[in-house]
Amino acid sequence: MYFRDHSPAHFHAEYGEHEALIEIETLAVLRGDLPRRAMALVLEWAALHRQELRADWDRARGGTPLELIEPLE
């Protein structure tokens, strides 16, 4: 996430030279793409951590430090 990023609430997922912007509420891809396997893992992770992503979005919009979110195991 980037501070003062545009709406809707989203996060950036990067894998090598690929990048996708993913909406937090719907997990829809707003822009970009990732390889199929990487996208599946990102969406699984995001579904598990949607509340934390929402909270970090609010922190970013307010200019406060983000909390770390645990990776997939």
Protein backbone atom coordinates (compact mmCIF):
# COMPACT_ATOMS: atom_id res chain seq x y z
CA MET A 1 0.00 0.00 0.00
CA TYR A 2 1.05 3.54 -0.60
CA PHE A 3 0.24 6.52 1.58
CA ARG A 4 -2.41 8.79 0.04
CA ASP A 5 -3.25 6.22 -2.63
CA HIS A 6 -6.48 6.59 -4.61
CA SER A 7 -9.79 4.85 -3.86
CA PRO A 8 -11.12 2.19 -3.89
CA ALA A 9 -9.25 0.53 -1.03
CA HIS A 10 -6.66 -1.73 -2.62
CA PHE A 11 -3.16 -3.14 -2.30
CA HIS A 12 -0.34 -3.66 -4.75
CA ALA A 13 0.95 -7.20 -5.31
CA GLU A 14 4.28 -7.65 -7.09
CA TYR A 15 5.87 -10.79 -8.47
CA GLY A 16 9.05 -10.32 -10.47
CA GLU A 17 8.27 -7.81 -13.22
CA HIS A 18 4.48 -8.27 -12.75
CA GLU A 19 2.24 -6.06 -10.63
CA ALA A 20 -1.48 -6.11 -9.88
CA LEU A 21 -3.71 -3.76 -7.90
CA ILE A 22 -6.31 -5.73 -5.97
CA GLU A 23 -9.42 -4.26 -4.36
CA ILE A 24 -9.68 -5.23 -0.71
CA GLU A 25 -13.46 -5.58 -0.48
CA THR A 26 -14.04 -7.73 -3.55
CA LEU A 27 -10.54 -9.07 -4.28
CA ALA A 28 -11.11 -7.99 -7.88
CA VAL A 29 -8.07 -7.09 -9.95
CA LEU A 30 -8.28 -3.37 -10.66
CA ARG A 31 -5.24 -3.22 -12.92
CA GLY A 32 -2.33 -5.38 -13.98
CA ASP A 33 -1.78 -9.09 -13.64
CA LEU A 34 0.32 -11.78 -12.02
CA PRO A 35 1.15 -15.31 -13.15
CA ARG A 36 -1.75 -17.65 -12.36
CA ARG A 37 -0.10 -19.44 -9.40
CA ALA A 38 1.14 -16.19 -7.84
CA MET A 39 -2.33 -14.63 -8.20
CA ALA A 40 -3.96 -17.64 -6.53
CA LEU A 41 -1.60 -17.35 -3.56
CA VAL A 42 -2.12 -13.58 -3.27
CA LEU A 43 -5.90 -13.95 -3.32
CA GLU A 44 -5.80 -16.75 -0.74
CA TRP A 45 -3.63 -14.56 1.52
CA ALA A 46 -5.86 -11.51 1.02
CA ALA A 47 -9.02 -13.46 1.85
CA LEU A 48 -7.46 -14.59 5.13
CA HIS A 49 -6.29 -11.08 6.05
CA ARG A 50 -9.02 -8.81 4.70
CA GLN A 51 -9.66 -7.11 8.08
CA GLU A 52 -5.96 -6.37 8.51
CA LEU A 53 -5.78 -5.03 4.96
CA ARG A 54 -8.74 -2.71 5.67
CA ALA A 55 -7.05 -1.48 8.84
CA ASP A 56 -3.77 -0.86 7.02
CA TRP A 57 -5.63 1.00 4.27
CA ASP A 58 -7.09 3.31 6.93
CA ARG A 59 -3.63 3.77 8.47
CA ALA A 60 -2.10 4.60 5.09
CA ARG A 61 -4.83 7.14 4.33
CA GLY A 62 -4.19 8.73 7.72
CA GLY A 63 -0.42 8.82 7.21
CA THR A 64 0.34 6.48 10.11
CA PRO A 65 2.69 3.48 9.92
CA LEU A 66 1.26 0.24 8.59
CA GLU A 67 1.14 -2.97 10.61
CA LEU A 68 2.89 -6.03 9.25
CA ILE A 69 0.58 -8.76 8.00
CA GLU A 70 1.69 -12.37 8.33
CA PRO A 71 2.54 -14.18 5.09
CA LEU A 72 0.93 -17.42 3.95
CA GLU A 73 2.38 -20.49 5.58
